[in-house]
């Protein structure tokens, strides 16, 4: 039985193929900018692969909220209104298909892979999401649970506008998209987040300032979640997890500055075991 995990991001779409609980093939493509091309490109890429007809299950990770298999909210990707279940069923003739929020699926995969009962998986990429596992179960009341990227962390008159339309959301400060905007706006450049981290390594003062801002607000956000849910295990996933070793010490510093007594020294912030592949690994466990 081949299972296929599809992780749709604002920048890339990742694919993972599993057999006997092992990842045997993965690749990614750029996310099409045109909404009506996204599903078609996904189907084309899968059908171009050898033995695609042996696929018996799909798990699709959505960077937003899904209700009745239709995407109803996705502030960083132009996929609202798309029905991936219907399209994949028609294209491949199977209905063993799960469509779910990407951070929720990443949290489930990370918890299963590391045998953890309580954790908060924070996915950092084009946007910011989170999946919450409590007592070994996904906390997902109405589809919006875990949307921590839209917790307000800045209330000043110059708070940044988020992709959701509000101001001061964590995602407006703790995401690759907004890190890039902050740096490039000042320098009139077109650098990506990797290049900004490279400049940080070279002690570029503005790159240092940019990543300090990112870490400060992420530390505030984690302290808020920690105080509400008393979760002490935070995993950093998503594309930016590849540089987690660089910014986690900064996040820990700002977390401790904002955490309350009794929680400050019991919380662990670490890079996800599955790093930025947790989403596609959900296909192996669900």
Protein backbone atom coordinates (compact mmCIF):
# COMPACT_ATOMS: atom_id res chain seq x y z
CA UNK A 1 0.00 0.00 0.00
CA UNK A 2 1.42 3.35 -1.04
CA UNK A 3 0.37 6.44 0.89
CA UNK A 4 0.93 9.92 -0.49
CA UNK A 5 1.33 12.99 1.68
CA UNK A 6 0.87 16.41 0.06
CA UNK A 7 1.89 19.52 2.01
CA UNK A 8 0.63 22.73 0.40
CA UNK A 9 2.57 25.83 1.36
CA UNK A 10 2.56 29.43 0.26
CA UNK A 11 5.91 28.92 -1.49
CA UNK A 12 6.24 25.19 -2.20
CA UNK A 13 4.12 22.06 -2.40
CA UNK A 14 5.89 19.01 -0.91
CA UNK A 15 5.10 15.41 -1.80
CA UNK A 16 6.03 12.29 0.16
CA UNK A 17 5.39 8.65 -0.79
CA UNK A 18 5.32 5.99 1.92
CA UNK A 19 5.43 2.19 1.85
CA UNK A 20 5.49 -0.02 4.94
CA UNK A 21 5.86 3.04 7.18
CA UNK A 22 8.92 4.26 5.33
CA UNK A 23 9.38 7.36 3.20
CA UNK A 24 10.80 6.09 -0.08
CA UNK A 25 10.45 9.16 -2.29
CA UNK A 26 9.85 12.89 -1.85
CA UNK A 27 10.07 16.03 -3.95
CA UNK A 28 8.59 19.52 -4.15
CA UNK A 29 7.34 22.01 -6.71
CA UNK A 30 6.71 25.73 -6.55
CA UNK A 31 3.16 26.59 -5.56
CA UNK A 32 1.38 27.93 -8.66
CA UNK A 33 0.28 31.53 -8.26
CA UNK A 34 -2.93 30.93 -10.21
CA UNK A 35 -5.62 29.34 -8.04
CA UNK A 36 -7.14 27.29 -10.84
CA UNK A 37 -3.79 25.63 -11.61
CA UNK A 38 -2.93 24.33 -8.13
CA UNK A 39 -4.96 21.12 -8.10
CA UNK A 40 -4.16 20.40 -11.74
CA UNK A 41 -0.42 20.68 -11.11
CA UNK A 42 -0.66 18.36 -8.09
CA UNK A 43 -2.50 15.70 -10.08
CA UNK A 44 -0.11 16.03 -13.03
CA UNK A 45 2.98 15.66 -10.83
CA UNK A 46 1.61 12.52 -9.16
CA UNK A 47 0.57 10.93 -12.45
CA UNK A 48 4.05 11.56 -13.82
CA UNK A 49 5.51 9.25 -11.17
CA UNK A 50 6.04 5.54 -11.68
CA UNK A 51 3.42 3.23 -10.17
CA UNK A 52 1.15 6.10 -9.15
CA UNK A 53 -1.81 3.75 -9.68
CA UNK A 54 -0.69 1.84 -6.55
CA UNK A 55 -1.53 4.82 -4.32
CA UNK A 56 -4.32 3.85 -1.93
CA UNK A 57 -4.40 6.87 0.35
CA UNK A 58 -3.87 10.63 0.24
CA UNK A 59 -3.29 13.01 3.15
CA UNK A 60 -3.38 16.69 2.15
CA UNK A 61 -1.99 19.37 4.45
CA UNK A 62 -3.77 22.71 4.08
CA UNK A 63 -2.29 26.02 5.37
CA UNK A 64 -5.64 27.14 6.74
CA UNK A 65 -9.02 25.83 7.82
CA UNK A 66 -11.03 23.08 6.12
CA UNK A 67 -14.74 22.41 6.57
CA UNK A 68 -16.61 19.63 4.76
CA UNK A 69 -13.47 19.09 2.62
CA UNK A 70 -13.56 22.68 1.32
CA UNK A 71 -10.89 25.23 2.25
CA UNK A 72 -12.70 28.10 4.01
CA UNK A 73 -9.74 30.09 5.32
CA UNK A 74 -6.15 30.38 4.07
CA UNK A 75 -4.60 33.85 4.45
CA UNK A 76 -1.26 33.04 2.79
CA UNK A 77 -2.28 30.82 -0.11
CA UNK A 78 -4.87 31.33 -2.82
CA UNK A 79 -6.80 28.10 -2.22
CA UNK A 80 -10.03 29.22 -0.50
CA UNK A 81 -12.99 27.39 -2.02
CA UNK A 82 -10.96 24.50 -3.44
CA UNK A 83 -12.15 20.94 -2.80
CA UNK A 84 -9.08 18.71 -2.88
CA UNK A 85 -11.06 15.65 -1.80
CA UNK A 86 -13.38 15.79 -4.79
CA UNK A 87 -10.58 16.48 -7.27
CA UNK A 88 -8.31 13.67 -6.05
CA UNK A 89 -11.19 11.20 -5.88
CA UNK A 90 -12.15 11.94 -9.48
CA UNK A 91 -8.55 11.79 -10.70
CA UNK A 92 -7.47 8.59 -8.93
CA UNK A 93 -10.70 6.75 -8.22
CA UNK A 94 -10.20 6.40 -4.44
CA UNK A 95 -11.92 8.04 -1.48
CA UNK A 96 -9.37 7.21 1.24
CA UNK A 97 -8.42 10.88 1.44
CA UNK A 98 -7.83 13.11 4.46
CA UNK A 99 -7.85 16.90 4.08
CA UNK A 100 -6.72 18.76 7.20
CA UNK A 101 -4.84 21.79 8.51
CA UNK A 102 -1.10 21.43 7.90
CA UNK A 103 0.03 22.29 11.43
CA UNK A 104 -2.49 19.84 12.93
CA UNK A 105 -1.19 17.06 10.72
CA UNK A 106 2.42 18.01 11.48
CA UNK A 107 1.66 17.87 15.21
CA UNK A 108 0.06 14.44 14.90
CA UNK A 109 3.03 13.10 12.95
CA UNK A 110 5.58 14.60 15.36
CA UNK A 111 3.72 13.24 18.40
CA UNK A 112 3.49 9.76 16.88
CA UNK A 113 7.08 9.71 15.68
CA UNK A 114 8.44 10.79 19.08
CA UNK A 115 5.76 9.09 21.23
CA UNK A 116 4.79 12.36 22.93
CA UNK A 117 1.40 12.91 24.60
CA UNK A 118 1.45 16.70 25.02
CA UNK A 119 3.08 19.16 22.65
CA UNK A 120 2.55 22.27 20.59
CA UNK A 121 3.96 22.08 17.09
CA UNK A 122 4.64 25.55 15.70
CA UNK A 123 5.11 25.59 11.94
CA UNK A 124 7.10 28.52 10.61
CA UNK A 125 7.16 29.13 6.89
CA UNK A 126 5.41 31.62 4.65
CA UNK A 127 2.95 31.91 7.55
CA UNK A 128 2.70 30.69 11.12
CA UNK A 129 0.51 27.87 12.36
CA UNK A 130 0.31 25.44 15.23
CA UNK A 131 -1.05 22.03 16.09
CA UNK A 132 -1.85 21.16 19.70
CA UNK A 133 -1.70 17.63 21.11
CA UNK A 134 -3.22 17.13 24.58
CA UNK A 135 -3.30 13.71 26.25
CA UNK A 136 -2.31 12.12 22.96
CA UNK A 137 -5.19 13.67 21.01
CA UNK A 138 -5.38 16.55 18.57
CA UNK A 139 -7.16 19.57 20.00
CA UNK A 140 -9.25 20.84 17.10
CA UNK A 141 -12.68 21.97 18.25
CA UNK A 142 -14.11 23.72 15.19
CA UNK A 143 -11.24 23.74 12.72
CA UNK A 144 -9.83 27.01 14.05
CA UNK A 145 -8.08 25.60 17.13
CA UNK A 146 -4.34 26.12 16.82
CA UNK A 147 -4.58 29.30 14.73
CA UNK A 148 -2.05 30.92 17.06
CA UNK A 149 -0.60 32.99 14.24
CA UNK A 150 -3.51 35.34 14.76
CA UNK A 151 -3.00 35.93 18.46
CA UNK A 152 -2.14 39.60 18.87
CA UNK A 153 1.39 40.23 20.12
CA UNK A 154 1.69 43.94 19.26
CA UNK A 155 -0.86 46.59 20.17
CA UNK A 156 1.02 49.78 19.30
CA UNK A 157 -0.08 52.33 16.69
CA UNK A 158 2.49 50.98 14.23
CA UNK A 159 1.49 47.33 14.50
CA UNK A 160 1.94 45.47 11.23
CA UNK A 161 -1.00 44.35 9.17
CA UNK A 162 -1.39 40.57 8.95
CA UNK A 163 -2.54 38.57 5.94
CA UNK A 164 -5.83 38.03 7.78
CA UNK A 165 -6.50 41.78 7.60
CA UNK A 166 -6.01 42.57 11.29
CA UNK A 167 -3.06 44.30 12.91
CA UNK A 168 -0.46 43.03 15.37
CA UNK A 169 -0.91 39.28 14.81
CA UNK A 170 2.01 36.99 15.61
CA UNK A 171 2.16 35.89 11.98
CA UNK A 172 2.94 39.48 10.95
CA UNK A 173 6.19 39.17 12.93
CA UNK A 174 7.03 35.45 13.13
CA UNK A 175 7.08 34.18 9.56
CA UNK A 176 9.49 34.02 6.65
CA UNK A 177 7.19 36.24 4.61
CA UNK A 178 7.30 39.10 7.07
CA UNK A 179 10.98 38.65 7.90
CA UNK A 180 11.66 39.17 4.20
CA UNK A 181 9.36 42.20 4.03
CA UNK A 182 11.04 43.82 7.03
CA UNK A 183 14.56 43.47 5.66
CA UNK A 184 13.85 44.19 1.99
CA UNK A 185 11.72 47.26 2.69
CA UNK A 186 14.67 48.94 4.38
CA UNK A 187 17.31 47.91 1.85
CA UNK A 188 15.20 47.88 -1.32
CA UNK A 189 16.43 44.35 -2.01
CA UNK A 190 14.73 41.07 -2.94
CA UNK A 191 16.41 38.67 -0.53
CA UNK A 192 14.72 35.50 0.72
CA UNK A 193 14.77 34.30 4.32
CA UNK A 194 17.73 31.97 3.73
CA UNK A 195 19.81 34.87 2.46
CA UNK A 196 18.83 36.97 5.48
CA UNK A 197 19.98 34.19 7.82
CA UNK A 198 23.23 34.00 5.85
CA UNK A 199 23.72 37.72 6.48
CA UNK A 200 22.96 37.13 10.15
CA UNK A 201 25.81 34.62 10.22
CA UNK A 202 28.06 37.36 8.78
CA UNK A 203 27.01 39.79 11.56
CA UNK A 204 25.01 42.06 9.29
CA UNK A 205 23.44 44.49 11.81
CA UNK A 206 20.07 44.76 10.07
CA UNK A 207 19.80 40.98 9.61
CA UNK A 208 20.57 40.60 13.33
CA UNK A 209 17.88 43.16 14.18
CA UNK A 210 15.37 41.46 11.87
CA UNK A 211 15.88 38.01 13.41
CA UNK A 212 15.89 39.47 16.93
CA UNK A 213 12.45 40.97 16.21
CA UNK A 214 11.26 37.62 14.87
CA UNK A 215 12.55 35.76 17.96
CA UNK A 216 11.17 38.32 20.41
CA UNK A 217 7.60 38.00 19.18
CA UNK A 218 7.86 34.23 18.90
CA UNK A 219 9.03 34.11 22.53
CA UNK A 220 6.03 36.23 23.55
CA UNK A 221 3.66 33.99 21.61
CA UNK A 222 5.04 30.80 23.17
CA UNK A 223 4.77 32.30 26.65
CA UNK A 224 1.09 33.11 25.99
CA UNK A 225 0.32 29.56 24.81
CA UNK A 226 2.31 28.11 27.69
CA UNK A 227 0.33 30.11 30.26
CA UNK A 228 -3.06 29.17 28.80
CA UNK A 229 -2.53 25.45 28.15
CA UNK A 230 0.43 24.63 30.45
CA UNK A 231 2.10 22.79 27.56
CA UNK A 232 5.82 22.55 28.27
CA UNK A 233 6.97 20.98 25.00
CA UNK A 234 7.16 23.25 21.96
CA UNK A 235 8.50 21.95 18.65
CA UNK A 236 9.53 24.22 15.79
CA UNK A 237 8.67 22.87 12.34
CA UNK A 238 8.12 24.27 8.86
CA UNK A 239 10.68 25.66 6.44
CA UNK A 240 12.33 27.94 9.00
CA UNK A 241 13.03 24.94 11.25
CA UNK A 242 16.10 24.37 9.09
CA UNK A 243 17.61 27.40 10.88
CA UNK A 244 16.06 26.67 14.27
CA UNK A 245 19.45 26.15 15.90
CA UNK A 246 20.19 29.79 15.09
CA UNK A 247 17.07 31.42 16.50
CA UNK A 248 15.87 29.06 19.27
CA UNK A 249 18.37 30.44 21.84
CA UNK A 250 16.97 33.92 21.12
CA UNK A 251 13.39 32.66 21.42
CA UNK A 252 14.23 31.04 24.76
CA UNK A 253 15.64 34.35 26.00
CA UNK A 254 12.47 36.26 25.16
CA UNK A 255 10.25 33.45 26.41
CA UNK A 256 11.88 33.63 29.84
CA UNK A 257 11.50 37.42 29.87
CA UNK A 258 7.73 37.03 29.40
CA UNK A 259 6.87 33.74 31.11
CA UNK A 260 5.39 33.64 34.60
CA UNK A 261 7.06 32.08 37.64
CA UNK A 262 6.45 28.36 37.86
CA UNK A 263 6.47 27.90 34.09
CA UNK A 264 9.62 29.75 33.11
CA UNK A 265 12.07 26.92 33.80
CA UNK A 266 9.94 23.91 32.87
CA UNK A 267 9.35 24.71 29.21
CA UNK A 268 11.38 23.17 26.39
CA UNK A 269 11.60 24.76 22.95
CA UNK A 270 13.29 22.59 20.33
CA UNK A 271 13.51 21.89 16.63
CA UNK A 272 10.93 19.33 15.51
CA UNK A 273 12.29 15.85 15.06
CA UNK A 274 10.66 15.71 11.62
CA UNK A 275 11.76 19.29 10.85
CA UNK A 276 9.90 20.59 7.78
CA UNK A 277 8.70 17.14 6.66
CA UNK A 278 6.23 16.55 9.50
CA UNK A 279 3.25 17.40 7.31
CA UNK A 280 3.88 14.74 4.68
CA UNK A 281 4.71 12.20 7.41
CA UNK A 282 1.10 12.42 8.58
CA UNK A 283 0.30 10.13 5.65
CA UNK A 284 2.24 7.40 7.40
CA UNK A 285 0.26 7.59 10.65
CA UNK A 286 -3.32 8.43 9.70
